[in-house]
C-alpha atoms as a PDB file:
ATOM      1  CA  MET A   1     -25.953  35.780 -98.526  1.00  0.00           C
ATOM      2  CA  ASN A   2     -27.164  37.577-101.613  1.00  0.00           C
ATOM      3  CA  GLN A   3     -24.911  37.656-104.659  1.00  0.00           C
ATOM      4  CA  THR A   4     -24.485  41.433-104.925  1.00  0.00           C
ATOM      5  CA  LEU A   5     -23.436  41.786-101.305  1.00  0.00           C
ATOM      6  CA  GLN A   6     -20.989  38.903-101.642  1.00  0.00           C
ATOM      7  CA  THR A   7     -19.427  40.497-104.730  1.00  0.00           C
ATOM      8  CA  ASN A   8     -19.087  43.840-102.933  1.00  0.00           C
ATOM      9  CA  VAL A   9     -17.447  42.170 -99.948  1.00  0.00           C
ATOM     10  CA  GLU A  10     -14.987  40.360-102.213  1.00  0.00           C
ATOM     11  CA  MET A  11     -14.094  43.634-103.946  1.00  0.00           C
ATOM     12  CA  ILE A  12     -13.535  45.357-100.600  1.00  0.00           C
ATOM     13  CA  VAL A  13     -11.367  42.488 -99.378  1.00  0.00           C
ATOM     14  CA  GLN A  14      -9.299  42.593-102.574  1.00  0.00           C
ATOM     15  CA  LYS A  15      -8.802  46.358-102.292  1.00  0.00           C
ATOM     16  CA  ALA A  16      -7.850  46.050 -98.628  1.00  0.00           C
ATOM     17  CA  PHE A  17      -5.366  43.307 -99.505  1.00  0.00           C
ATOM     18  CA  LEU A  18      -3.805  45.464-102.227  1.00  0.00           C
ATOM     19  CA  VAL A  19      -3.446  48.387 -99.819  1.00  0.00           C
ATOM     20  CA  LEU A  20      -1.891  46.138 -97.170  1.00  0.00           C
ATOM     21  CA  ALA A  21       0.446  44.581 -99.736  1.00  0.00           C
ATOM     22  CA  TYR A  22       1.499  48.051-100.929  1.00  0.00           C
ATOM     23  CA  HIS A  23       2.311  49.230 -97.412  1.00  0.00           C
ATOM     24  CA  ALA A  24       4.000  45.923 -96.574  1.00  0.00           C
ATOM     25  CA  HIS A  25       6.233  46.368 -99.641  1.00  0.00           C
ATOM     26  CA  ARG A  26       7.297  49.811 -98.372  1.00  0.00           C
ATOM     27  CA  ILE A  27       7.795  48.586 -94.805  1.00  0.00           C
ATOM     28  CA  LEU A  28       9.838  45.591 -95.973  1.00  0.00           C
ATOM     29  CA  ARG A  29      12.544  47.996 -97.120  1.00  0.00           C
ATOM     30  CA  PHE A  30      13.502  48.366 -93.464  1.00  0.00           C
ATOM     31  CA  PRO A  31      15.786  45.536 -92.260  1.00  0.00           C
ATOM     32  CA  LEU A  32      14.437  45.911 -88.723  1.00  0.00           C
ATOM     33  CA  PHE A  33      10.971  44.930 -89.875  1.00  0.00           C
ATOM     34  CA  ILE A  34      12.379  41.880 -91.670  1.00  0.00           C
ATOM     35  CA  THR A  35      14.203  40.865 -88.499  1.00  0.00           C
ATOM     36  CA  LEU A  36      11.012  41.199 -86.457  1.00  0.00           C
ATOM     37  CA  LEU A  37       9.033  39.279 -89.067  1.00  0.00           C
ATOM     38  CA  ASN A  38      11.557  36.454 -89.088  1.00  0.00           C
ATOM     39  CA  SER A  39      11.501  36.233 -85.297  1.00  0.00           C
ATOM     40  CA  TYR A  40       7.694  35.951 -85.305  1.00  0.00           C
ATOM     41  CA  THR A  41       7.514  33.348 -88.072  1.00  0.00           C
ATOM     42  CA  ASP A  42      10.007  30.971 -86.444  1.00  0.00           C
END
């Protein structure tokens, strides 16, 4: 894989992760979501 493409992919992945983390932070305010998350992680 060429270096420029790899760097672009890494940047996109980082941005996607930040967006997901931001929405997850908002969703985590709801206790129901936490309950569902706990039931899936057990």
